[in-house]
Protein backbone atom coordinates (compact mmCIF):
# COMPACT_ATOMS: atom_id res chain seq x y z
CA UNK A 1 81.03 127.09 71.89
CA UNK A 2 83.39 127.03 68.92
CA UNK A 3 87.04 127.64 69.81
CA UNK A 4 88.36 130.82 68.18
CA UNK A 5 91.08 130.50 65.56
CA UNK A 6 94.66 130.25 66.82
CA UNK A 7 95.63 133.52 65.11
CA UNK A 8 93.01 135.41 67.11
CA UNK A 9 94.06 133.84 70.40
CA UNK A 10 97.70 134.63 69.63
CA UNK A 11 96.96 138.29 68.84
CA UNK A 12 95.06 138.78 72.10
CA UNK A 13 97.61 136.85 74.17
CA UNK A 14 100.40 139.05 72.76
CA UNK A 15 98.57 142.05 74.21
CA UNK A 16 98.14 140.43 77.64
CA UNK A 17 101.37 138.54 78.37
CA UNK A 18 101.06 139.44 82.04
CA UNK A 19 98.34 136.80 82.27
CA UNK A 20 101.17 134.27 82.04
CA UNK A 21 103.65 135.92 84.39
CA UNK A 22 104.43 139.47 85.53
CA UNK A 23 107.20 141.31 83.70
CA UNK A 24 106.90 139.60 80.29
CA UNK A 25 107.50 142.17 77.54
CA UNK A 26 106.29 141.61 73.96
CA UNK A 27 108.99 141.69 71.23
CA UNK A 28 107.49 140.10 68.12
CA UNK A 29 104.64 137.97 66.83
CA UNK A 30 105.35 135.08 64.43
CA UNK A 31 109.06 135.80 64.68
CA UNK A 32 110.78 134.27 61.63
CA UNK A 33 113.79 132.04 62.25
CA UNK A 34 115.97 131.33 59.24
CA UNK A 35 118.30 128.36 58.97
CA UNK A 36 121.08 127.63 56.51
CA UNK A 37 120.06 123.97 56.73
CA UNK A 38 116.70 124.88 55.19
CA UNK A 39 114.50 124.14 58.18
CA UNK A 40 113.31 127.45 59.58
CA UNK A 41 110.21 128.31 61.52
CA UNK A 42 108.14 130.95 63.26
CA UNK A 43 107.95 131.54 66.99
CA UNK A 44 104.34 132.40 67.88
CA UNK A 45 105.38 135.12 70.34
CA UNK A 46 108.90 136.25 71.17
CA UNK A 47 109.23 138.10 74.48
CA UNK A 48 111.72 139.18 77.16
CA UNK A 49 111.18 138.56 80.84
CA UNK A 50 111.98 140.86 83.75
CA UNK A 51 115.50 139.38 83.91
CA UNK A 52 116.09 140.22 80.22
CA UNK A 53 116.05 136.58 79.15
CA UNK A 54 114.55 135.68 75.78
CA UNK A 55 111.25 133.82 76.00
CA UNK A 56 109.84 131.79 73.10
CA UNK A 57 106.07 131.32 73.58
CA UNK A 58 104.40 128.52 71.63
CA UNK A 59 100.57 128.38 71.44
CA UNK A 60 98.56 125.18 70.81
CA UNK A 61 94.78 125.00 70.43
CA UNK A 62 94.30 121.60 68.71
CA UNK A 63 95.41 118.06 69.51
CA UNK A 64 97.01 117.60 66.09
CA UNK A 65 99.39 120.53 66.53
CA UNK A 66 99.93 119.67 70.20
CA UNK A 67 101.48 116.37 69.13
CA UNK A 68 104.17 118.33 67.28
CA UNK A 69 104.96 120.72 70.14
CA UNK A 70 108.10 119.03 71.52
CA UNK A 71 109.75 118.88 68.09
CA UNK A 72 108.88 122.48 67.30
CA UNK A 73 110.07 124.07 70.54
CA UNK A 74 113.41 122.24 70.48
CA UNK A 75 113.95 123.47 66.91
CA UNK A 76 112.97 127.04 67.74
CA UNK A 77 115.20 127.16 70.83
CA UNK A 78 118.19 125.91 68.84
CA UNK A 79 117.64 128.33 65.94
CA UNK A 80 117.12 131.27 68.29
CA UNK A 81 120.30 130.39 70.14
CA UNK A 82 122.30 130.20 66.90
CA UNK A 83 120.84 133.45 65.56
CA UNK A 84 121.49 135.52 68.67
CA UNK A 85 124.65 133.67 69.82
CA UNK A 86 123.16 133.05 73.25
CA UNK A 87 124.05 130.66 76.04
CA UNK A 88 121.46 127.96 76.58
CA UNK A 89 120.51 129.36 79.98
CA UNK A 90 119.54 132.71 78.40
CA UNK A 91 116.58 131.21 76.52
CA UNK A 92 113.31 130.15 78.09
CA UNK A 93 110.36 128.39 76.49
CA UNK A 94 106.68 128.67 77.49
CA UNK A 95 104.06 126.39 75.98
CA UNK A 96 100.50 127.72 76.21
CA UNK A 97 97.53 125.49 75.42
CA UNK A 98 93.85 125.15 76.16
CA UNK A 99 92.98 122.61 78.83
CA UNK A 100 92.04 119.70 76.46
CA UNK A 101 95.41 119.88 74.69
CA UNK A 102 97.37 119.14 77.85
CA UNK A 103 96.35 115.50 77.58
CA UNK A 104 98.69 115.33 74.55
CA UNK A 105 101.31 117.75 75.82
CA UNK A 106 101.94 116.73 79.43
CA UNK A 107 104.02 113.55 78.96
CA UNK A 108 106.42 114.72 76.19
CA UNK A 109 107.01 118.14 77.74
CA UNK A 110 107.60 116.63 81.19
CA UNK A 111 110.25 114.34 79.72
CA UNK A 112 111.86 117.18 77.80
CA UNK A 113 111.93 119.59 80.74
CA UNK A 114 113.92 117.25 83.01
CA UNK A 115 117.08 117.11 80.93
CA UNK A 116 116.79 120.18 78.71
CA UNK A 117 119.22 123.08 79.10
CA UNK A 118 116.40 125.63 78.68
CA UNK A 119 113.80 126.56 81.28
CA UNK A 120 110.51 125.03 80.04
CA UNK A 121 107.12 125.85 81.53
CA UNK A 122 103.55 125.12 80.58
CA UNK A 123 100.32 127.11 81.07
CA UNK A 124 96.71 126.06 80.62
CA UNK A 125 94.90 129.04 79.10
CA UNK A 126 91.27 129.98 79.69
CA UNK A 127 89.72 132.29 77.07
CA UNK A 128 86.36 133.93 76.35
CA UNK A 129 84.23 133.42 73.25
CA UNK A 130 86.33 135.80 71.11
CA UNK A 131 89.71 134.41 72.22
CA UNK A 132 90.69 136.96 74.87
CA UNK A 133 92.77 135.38 77.66
CA UNK A 134 90.99 135.41 81.01
CA UNK A 135 93.49 133.53 83.14
CA UNK A 136 96.35 131.07 82.88
CA UNK A 137 97.15 128.20 85.23
CA UNK A 138 100.74 126.99 85.60
CA UNK A 139 100.79 123.30 84.69
CA UNK A 140 102.58 120.95 87.07
CA UNK A 141 104.79 118.77 84.91
CA UNK A 142 105.05 115.09 85.76
CA UNK A 143 107.70 114.15 88.33
CA UNK A 144 110.53 111.89 87.25
CA UNK A 145 109.54 108.23 87.50
CA UNK A 146 111.26 106.12 90.12
CA UNK A 147 114.61 104.85 88.86
CA UNK A 148 114.32 101.07 88.69
CA UNK A 149 118.04 100.57 89.29
CA UNK A 150 118.84 97.66 91.57
CA UNK A 151 120.74 98.52 94.76
CA UNK A 152 123.63 96.63 96.36
CA UNK A 153 121.41 95.76 99.37
CA UNK A 154 121.25 91.95 99.11
CA UNK A 155 120.42 89.06 101.43
CA UNK A 156 120.51 85.27 101.15
CA UNK A 157 118.09 82.86 102.78
CA UNK A 158 119.02 79.16 103.10
CA UNK A 159 116.64 76.21 103.43
CA UNK A 160 116.58 72.45 103.85
CA UNK A 161 113.47 72.16 101.62
CA UNK A 162 112.56 73.94 98.39
CA UNK A 163 108.94 74.39 99.50
CA UNK A 164 110.11 76.57 102.40
CA UNK A 165 112.00 78.73 99.93
CA UNK A 166 108.87 79.25 97.82
CA UNK A 167 106.87 80.29 100.89
CA UNK A 168 109.63 82.71 101.90
CA UNK A 169 109.46 84.63 98.61
CA UNK A 170 105.73 85.04 99.06
CA UNK A 171 106.30 86.65 102.48
CA UNK A 172 109.22 88.86 101.39
CA UNK A 173 107.21 90.84 98.80
CA UNK A 174 104.47 92.29 101.07
CA UNK A 175 106.93 92.87 103.90
CA UNK A 176 109.25 94.87 101.62
CA UNK A 177 106.27 96.85 100.31
CA UNK A 178 105.49 97.94 103.90
CA UNK A 179 108.91 99.62 103.88
CA UNK A 180 108.16 101.21 100.47
CA UNK A 181 110.19 98.81 98.31
CA UNK A 182 108.07 97.24 95.58
CA UNK A 183 110.82 96.29 93.10
CA UNK A 184 112.72 93.12 94.01
CA UNK A 185 114.65 90.29 92.38
CA UNK A 186 114.84 86.85 93.95
CA UNK A 187 117.07 84.09 92.61
CA UNK A 188 116.40 80.50 93.60
CA UNK A 189 119.59 78.41 93.62
CA UNK A 190 119.92 74.65 94.08
CA UNK A 191 123.02 72.87 95.35
CA UNK A 192 124.13 69.95 93.19
CA UNK A 193 127.51 69.06 94.68
CA UNK A 194 128.54 66.47 97.25
CA UNK A 195 125.55 65.97 99.61
CA UNK A 196 127.59 66.07 102.82
CA UNK A 197 129.23 69.40 101.95
CA UNK A 198 126.26 71.65 102.76
CA UNK A 199 123.43 71.52 105.23
CA UNK A 200 121.06 73.80 103.34
CA UNK A 201 120.88 72.89 99.62
CA UNK A 202 118.24 75.48 98.64
CA UNK A 203 119.02 79.21 98.56
CA UNK A 204 116.92 82.29 97.90
CA UNK A 205 119.08 85.27 97.05
CA UNK A 206 117.16 88.56 97.14
CA UNK A 207 118.13 92.08 96.04
CA UNK A 208 116.17 95.26 96.68
CA UNK A 209 115.31 98.02 94.25
CA UNK A 210 115.05 101.58 95.43
CA UNK A 211 112.70 102.86 98.13
CA UNK A 212 109.80 104.73 96.55
CA UNK A 213 110.17 108.18 98.10
CA UNK A 214 106.79 109.19 96.66
CA UNK A 215 105.16 107.07 99.35
CA UNK A 216 106.50 109.34 102.06
CA UNK A 217 108.65 108.58 105.07
CA UNK A 218 109.32 104.95 105.90
CA UNK A 219 107.38 103.77 108.97
CA UNK A 220 110.35 101.90 110.44
CA UNK A 221 111.96 104.70 112.47
CA UNK A 222 108.82 105.27 114.53
CA UNK A 223 106.69 102.17 114.32
CA UNK A 224 109.14 99.24 114.23
CA UNK A 225 111.42 97.73 116.87
CA UNK A 226 114.04 96.41 114.42
CA UNK A 227 117.23 98.30 113.56
CA UNK A 228 116.78 101.31 111.27
CA UNK A 229 119.43 103.66 109.91
CA UNK A 230 119.08 106.98 111.71
CA UNK A 231 120.18 110.42 110.54
CA UNK A 232 123.65 110.16 112.13
CA UNK A 233 124.42 106.87 110.38
CA UNK A 234 123.27 107.59 106.84
CA UNK A 235 126.75 108.39 105.54
CA UNK A 236 127.91 104.91 106.57
CA UNK A 237 125.60 103.22 104.04
CA UNK A 238 125.47 103.44 100.24
CA UNK A 239 121.70 102.86 100.40
CA UNK A 240 120.51 103.72 103.93
CA UNK A 241 116.76 103.62 103.23
CA UNK A 242 117.00 100.33 101.39
CA UNK A 243 119.09 98.83 104.21
CA UNK A 244 116.36 99.84 106.65
CA UNK A 245 113.83 98.16 104.37
CA UNK A 246 115.92 94.97 104.38
CA UNK A 247 115.98 95.04 108.18
CA UNK A 248 112.19 95.38 108.09
CA UNK A 249 111.96 92.25 105.93
CA UNK A 250 114.46 90.10 107.80
CA UNK A 251 113.04 90.99 111.22
CA UNK A 252 110.00 88.82 110.52
CA UNK A 253 110.75 86.76 107.40
CA UNK A 254 113.20 84.04 108.41
CA UNK A 255 114.84 81.09 106.71
CA UNK A 256 116.46 77.97 108.14
CA UNK A 257 119.65 80.01 107.98
CA UNK A 258 120.77 83.24 106.34
CA UNK A 259 123.80 85.19 105.16
CA UNK A 260 124.45 88.75 104.10
CA UNK A 261 124.74 89.35 100.39
CA UNK A 262 126.48 91.79 98.05
CA UNK A 263 127.14 91.90 94.28
CA UNK A 264 130.57 90.25 94.38
CA UNK A 265 129.24 87.44 96.54
CA UNK A 266 126.49 86.78 94.00
CA UNK A 267 129.12 86.71 91.24
CA UNK A 268 131.08 84.06 93.15
CA UNK A 269 127.93 82.11 93.84
CA UNK A 270 126.75 81.79 90.23
CA UNK A 271 130.31 80.95 89.15
CA UNK A 272 130.42 77.98 91.54
CA UNK A 273 129.65 74.83 89.52
CA UNK A 274 128.00 73.22 92.55
CA UNK A 275 125.26 75.87 92.64
CA UNK A 276 122.78 76.27 89.80
CA UNK A 277 120.23 79.01 89.16
CA UNK A 278 116.84 77.28 89.30
CA UNK A 279 114.60 80.31 88.80
CA UNK A 280 114.72 84.11 88.72
CA UNK A 281 111.73 85.76 90.39
CA UNK A 282 110.73 89.41 90.21
CA UNK A 283 108.25 91.88 91.60
CA UNK A 284 107.22 95.44 90.80
CA UNK A 285 109.01 97.17 87.97
CA UNK A 286 111.38 94.23 87.45
CA UNK A 287 108.41 92.07 86.45
CA UNK A 288 108.16 93.96 83.16
CA UNK A 289 108.66 91.86 80.04
CA UNK A 290 111.31 94.39 78.99
CA UNK A 291 113.83 92.65 81.28
CA UNK A 292 115.56 89.48 80.12
CA UNK A 293 117.07 87.06 82.61
CA UNK A 294 120.58 88.15 81.59
CA UNK A 295 119.66 91.78 82.39
CA UNK A 296 118.63 90.79 85.90
CA UNK A 297 121.69 88.60 86.51
CA UNK A 298 124.00 91.38 85.33
CA UNK A 299 122.30 93.83 87.68
CA UNK A 300 122.73 91.40 90.58
CA UNK A 301 126.43 91.02 89.73
CA UNK A 302 126.79 94.78 90.14
CA UNK A 303 127.57 95.50 86.49
CA UNK A 304 125.26 98.51 86.73
CA UNK A 305 126.94 99.66 89.95
CA UNK A 306 127.78 98.17 93.32
CA UNK A 307 130.45 95.63 92.32
CA UNK A 308 133.58 96.01 94.44
CA UNK A 309 135.73 93.20 93.01
CA UNK A 310 134.49 92.12 89.57
CA UNK A 311 132.91 94.46 87.02
CA UNK A 312 131.97 93.98 83.39
CA UNK A 313 130.15 96.73 81.54
CA UNK A 314 129.95 98.83 78.42
CA UNK A 315 128.84 102.32 77.40
CA UNK A 316 129.06 104.92 74.65
CA UNK A 317 131.19 107.95 75.47
CA UNK A 318 128.59 110.25 73.88
CA UNK A 319 125.51 108.95 75.72
CA UNK A 320 126.04 111.22 78.70
CA UNK A 321 123.90 109.51 81.34
CA UNK A 322 125.09 106.03 80.38
CA UNK A 323 128.74 107.09 80.34
CA UNK A 324 128.38 108.73 83.77
CA UNK A 325 126.89 105.57 85.30
CA UNK A 326 129.56 103.41 83.63
CA UNK A 327 132.33 105.59 85.08
CA UNK A 328 130.77 105.48 88.55
CA UNK A 329 130.43 101.68 88.44
CA UNK A 330 134.02 101.25 87.25
CA UNK A 331 135.29 103.64 89.94
CA UNK A 332 133.47 101.68 92.64
CA UNK A 333 135.15 98.46 91.50
CA UNK A 334 138.56 100.17 91.49
CA UNK A 335 138.06 101.57 95.01
CA UNK A 336 140.93 100.70 97.33
CA UNK A 337 143.43 100.41 94.48
CA UNK A 338 145.04 103.84 94.38
CA UNK A 339 147.30 102.99 91.44
CA UNK A 340 144.48 101.85 89.16
CA UNK A 341 142.18 104.67 90.27
CA UNK A 342 144.82 107.07 88.96
CA UNK A 343 145.81 105.15 85.81
CA UNK A 344 142.57 103.55 84.65
CA UNK A 345 140.37 106.40 85.81
CA UNK A 346 142.62 108.97 84.14
CA UNK A 347 142.70 107.00 80.88
CA UNK A 348 138.90 106.74 80.83
CA UNK A 349 138.67 110.49 81.39
CA UNK A 350 140.85 111.08 78.32
CA UNK A 351 138.81 108.64 76.21
CA UNK A 352 135.58 110.30 77.28
CA UNK A 353 136.81 113.73 76.20
CA UNK A 354 137.72 112.71 72.64
CA UNK A 355 135.51 114.53 70.09
CA UNK A 356 134.19 111.40 68.41
CA UNK A 357 132.07 108.57 69.80
CA UNK A 358 133.62 105.40 71.16
CA UNK A 359 131.97 102.20 72.36
CA UNK A 360 133.83 101.28 75.54
CA UNK A 361 133.82 97.81 77.12
CA UNK A 362 135.58 97.16 80.42
CA UNK A 363 136.41 94.03 82.39
CA UNK A 364 137.86 94.72 85.84
CA UNK A 365 138.92 92.18 88.45
CA UNK A 366 140.27 93.98 91.51
CA UNK A 367 140.37 91.67 94.59
CA UNK A 368 143.10 93.67 96.40
CA UNK A 369 144.21 90.54 98.26
CA UNK A 370 147.68 89.22 97.42
CA UNK A 371 147.54 86.60 100.18
CA UNK A 372 144.42 85.05 98.65
CA UNK A 373 146.16 84.92 95.25
CA UNK A 374 149.17 83.14 96.78
CA UNK A 375 147.12 80.79 98.96
CA UNK A 376 144.51 79.72 96.42
CA UNK A 377 146.34 80.28 93.14
CA UNK A 378 149.73 78.69 93.80
CA UNK A 379 150.50 75.19 92.47
CA UNK A 380 149.82 72.38 94.95
CA UNK A 381 153.27 70.82 94.70
CA UNK A 382 156.61 72.58 95.17
CA UNK A 383 157.97 70.82 92.09
CA UNK A 384 155.35 72.65 89.97
CA UNK A 385 156.58 76.13 90.90
CA UNK A 386 157.71 77.07 87.42
CA UNK A 387 156.67 80.35 85.76
CA UNK A 388 154.46 78.74 83.11
CA UNK A 389 152.64 76.49 85.59
CA UNK A 390 152.30 79.30 88.12
CA UNK A 391 150.77 81.60 85.51
CA UNK A 392 148.21 78.92 84.60
CA UNK A 393 147.15 78.09 88.18
CA UNK A 394 146.91 81.76 89.19
CA UNK A 395 145.06 82.93 86.07
CA UNK A 396 141.62 83.16 87.69
CA UNK A 397 142.94 84.88 90.82
CA UNK A 398 145.28 87.53 89.39
CA UNK A 399 143.92 91.11 89.29
CA UNK A 400 143.45 92.51 85.81
CA UNK A 401 141.90 95.31 83.79
CA UNK A 402 141.07 95.11 80.11
CA UNK A 403 139.30 98.01 78.40
CA UNK A 404 138.61 98.54 74.71
CA UNK A 405 137.36 101.74 73.09
CA UNK A 406 136.24 101.25 69.49
CA UNK A 407 134.51 103.76 67.17
CA UNK A 408 131.09 102.46 65.99
CA UNK A 409 132.11 102.66 62.34
CA UNK A 410 135.56 101.18 63.02
CA UNK A 411 136.94 103.92 60.78
CA UNK A 412 139.02 105.82 63.34
CA UNK A 413 141.64 105.05 65.94
CA UNK A 414 140.69 102.48 68.55
CA UNK A 415 142.27 102.15 71.97
CA UNK A 416 143.06 99.40 74.48
CA UNK A 417 144.16 99.49 78.10
CA UNK A 418 145.43 96.53 80.12
CA UNK A 419 146.08 96.69 83.84
CA UNK A 420 148.28 94.24 85.70
CA UNK A 421 150.35 93.67 88.83
CA UNK A 422 154.11 93.99 88.28
CA UNK A 423 157.21 93.20 90.37
CA UNK A 424 160.40 95.29 90.48
CA UNK A 425 162.62 92.20 90.23
CA UNK A 426 164.30 92.64 93.61
CA UNK A 427 164.20 89.46 95.79
CA UNK A 428 162.58 89.86 99.19
CA UNK A 429 164.88 88.53 101.95
CA UNK A 430 162.08 87.19 104.14
CA UNK A 431 158.64 87.17 102.51
CA UNK A 432 156.95 85.48 105.47
CA UNK A 433 158.09 88.26 107.83
CA UNK A 434 156.55 90.87 105.50
CA UNK A 435 153.24 89.02 105.44
CA UNK A 436 153.17 88.65 109.21
CA UNK A 437 153.91 92.34 109.72
CA UNK A 438 150.61 93.02 107.94
CA UNK A 439 148.73 89.88 109.04
CA UNK A 440 150.25 88.50 112.28
CA UNK A 441 148.17 85.33 111.88
CA UNK A 442 145.83 83.57 109.51
CA UNK A 443 142.95 84.72 111.72
CA UNK A 444 143.93 88.37 111.30
CA UNK A 445 143.87 87.88 107.52
CA UNK A 446 140.35 86.50 107.67
CA UNK A 447 139.23 89.28 110.03
CA UNK A 448 140.56 91.91 107.63
CA UNK A 449 138.80 90.27 104.68
CA UNK A 450 135.42 90.11 106.35
CA UNK A 451 135.86 93.41 108.16
CA UNK A 452 136.27 95.32 104.90
CA UNK A 453 139.80 96.62 105.63
CA UNK A 454 141.80 94.12 103.60
CA UNK A 455 142.59 96.54 100.78
CA UNK A 456 144.52 98.83 103.15
CA UNK A 457 146.60 95.88 104.41
CA UNK A 458 147.11 94.69 100.85
CA UNK A 459 148.45 98.06 99.72
CA UNK A 460 151.04 98.03 102.52
CA UNK A 461 152.07 94.45 101.75
CA UNK A 462 152.54 95.13 98.04
CA UNK A 463 154.82 98.09 98.73
CA UNK A 464 157.01 95.97 101.03
CA UNK A 465 157.31 93.24 98.38
CA UNK A 466 158.08 95.57 95.47
CA UNK A 467 154.77 94.97 93.69
CA UNK A 468 152.75 97.72 92.02
CA UNK A 469 149.72 98.04 89.76
CA UNK A 470 150.54 99.46 86.32
CA UNK A 471 148.78 99.70 82.96
CA UNK A 472 149.71 99.34 79.30
CA UNK A 473 148.00 101.42 76.60
CA UNK A 474 147.72 100.76 72.89
CA UNK A 475 146.50 102.87 69.96
CA UNK A 476 145.13 100.86 67.03
CA UNK A 477 144.91 101.95 63.39
CA UNK A 478 141.92 100.82 61.27
CA UNK A 479 142.83 98.70 58.26
CA UNK A 480 141.12 99.18 54.86
CA UNK A 481 140.18 95.49 54.74
CA UNK A 482 138.78 95.60 58.27
CA UNK A 483 140.27 95.09 61.71
CA UNK A 484 143.07 97.04 63.35
CA UNK A 485 146.83 97.07 63.66
CA UNK A 486 148.96 98.48 66.46
CA UNK A 487 150.07 102.06 65.88
CA UNK A 488 151.53 103.06 69.24
CA UNK A 489 151.66 102.01 72.85
CA UNK A 490 153.37 102.37 76.18
CA UNK A 491 153.31 101.78 79.93
CA UNK A 492 151.46 103.95 82.45
CA UNK A 493 153.06 104.18 85.89
CA UNK A 494 151.62 105.63 89.12
CA UNK A 495 152.68 109.25 89.54
CA UNK A 496 154.95 108.42 92.50
CA UNK A 497 157.01 106.10 90.28
CA UNK A 498 159.25 108.00 87.89
CA UNK A 499 160.89 106.37 84.84
CA UNK A 500 164.27 106.61 86.60
CA UNK A 501 162.93 104.50 89.48
CA UNK A 502 161.78 101.77 87.12
CA UNK A 503 165.09 101.91 85.23
CA UNK A 504 166.84 101.34 88.55
CA UNK A 505 164.78 98.21 89.06
CA UNK A 506 165.95 96.71 85.83
CA UNK A 507 162.43 96.17 84.50
CA UNK A 508 158.87 95.20 85.36
CA UNK A 509 158.16 91.52 85.87
CA UNK A 510 154.97 89.48 86.10
CA UNK A 511 153.55 88.02 89.31
CA UNK A 512 154.49 84.52 88.16
CA UNK A 513 158.17 85.56 88.15
CA UNK A 514 157.79 86.89 91.70
CA UNK A 515 156.24 83.61 92.90
CA UNK A 516 158.86 81.50 91.13
CA UNK A 517 161.67 83.57 92.71
CA UNK A 518 160.16 83.04 96.20
CA UNK A 519 158.82 79.52 95.59
CA UNK A 520 159.75 78.00 98.95
CA UNK A 521 158.25 80.74 101.08
CA UNK A 522 155.13 81.07 98.93
CA UNK A 523 154.60 77.30 99.03
CA UNK A 524 154.79 77.16 102.85
CA UNK A 525 152.64 80.28 103.21
CA UNK A 526 149.97 78.67 101.04
CA UNK A 527 150.16 75.48 103.06
CA UNK A 528 149.88 77.25 106.42
CA UNK A 529 147.20 79.79 105.49
CA UNK A 530 145.21 77.31 103.41
CA UNK A 531 145.29 74.38 105.81
CA UNK A 532 143.00 76.04 108.37
CA UNK A 533 140.16 76.79 105.98
CA UNK A 534 136.79 75.70 107.33
CA UNK A 535 134.44 73.53 105.32
CA UNK A 536 131.71 75.70 103.84
CA UNK A 537 128.17 74.83 104.90
CA UNK A 538 126.82 77.59 102.70
CA UNK A 539 127.50 78.93 99.21
CA UNK A 540 130.74 80.94 98.91
């Protein structure tokens, strides 16, 4: 049977809008939309629903026109909104097509409906031989695909032989799939340092993607004897389902030894010159050729979220989803540092609200552990405790923030923010007593570090020593010949520090000046707290 012409179907549909949904009221057919930009159009049927919202109905009867549907309905919705000065939520769009056309329509309209401000629905229309609508079936749009984002649920297996590591990866994949995790990354690392320093020279570092909720409830709570996160404990985990999946894997897949993993640990591991990445292995969605090795390594480092100490990332302020994820990842890395949460977070909020686009790149190192800086970053000899030498030896341990915000065309103002630790210049009578009030012993320092409470202790210690996190901002002017020059700048202080307080200090001084001023006590602290370190049998 030949399909009636679209005009005939439209005329008959306009007379029977209730076949789509009750309460639709016809307003106009082929409603003309003008546009000062010169790109107008015609809405097939304009209607109002029972809630007095405007409804643009677009009809498609051929594959060729169906391919243009997404472009047309977005244009019509925008022009209708401009013409009638309506909020986005006051306009709905209904796409009506014969069953064969939904093969072309389903994917683009599903994608559009998820993030569009307008309510978008689709109906498959059944007609008789003259084009009269008989019935309409509401089309189920495609669900959002599983986000492939890597989680911070990591684990590290250690082996004496590389062959055992290879066998382990082969067992991890099906075991993880049983717990509904199909997307994994596994990094094989080989130790190349002094042979007597480690017992297990072959490591397999694994990270889990997200649990596929489309597969239903995980079997672990009912069918497995290993630990599983129950309903009362979910708030204690960033990724409770993925942690349960990891428990499912590690309950039966064992190495010669093992350690817990997390993004900052992986960052330390790949930065250690004694450990080399031998191979990056993937499964599921991460096996796609779209991913380069650098993409996977960056995800493991937590640059897409999950990093608590070291973060490096970039985003455009006008790509909404990307900017939101960037802000969340940066905030996670700043967690525990109240001063920088206020200063850096507030500055990023201001940058994000500027009317023009900026490409923002951030590097954040936020260890929140002054004792570690003093113990591992101080010069080895007391005679070397001079500001210049101290600054050089502590460079890789000192917390810092550096953020740039540059317009893509480099034709507008650019911005920079630097975060640093500053001292009020007042000597501390007994530095060792202050440290021991927070950490009574070296053991208590280690317990706090591995127990996840070190940042609270560090905040208290900094206040006692007159140290605070601050930030410096700079506005840069574009030059006609290219590049930028400084236009303005200043210092950002935490809200509980007024300018008069800082004036009373006599200035803000670098950490190297603090260490030089207290050289004797810092030297002996580093000797005492560093002397008891245990030899590592595993990667740091």
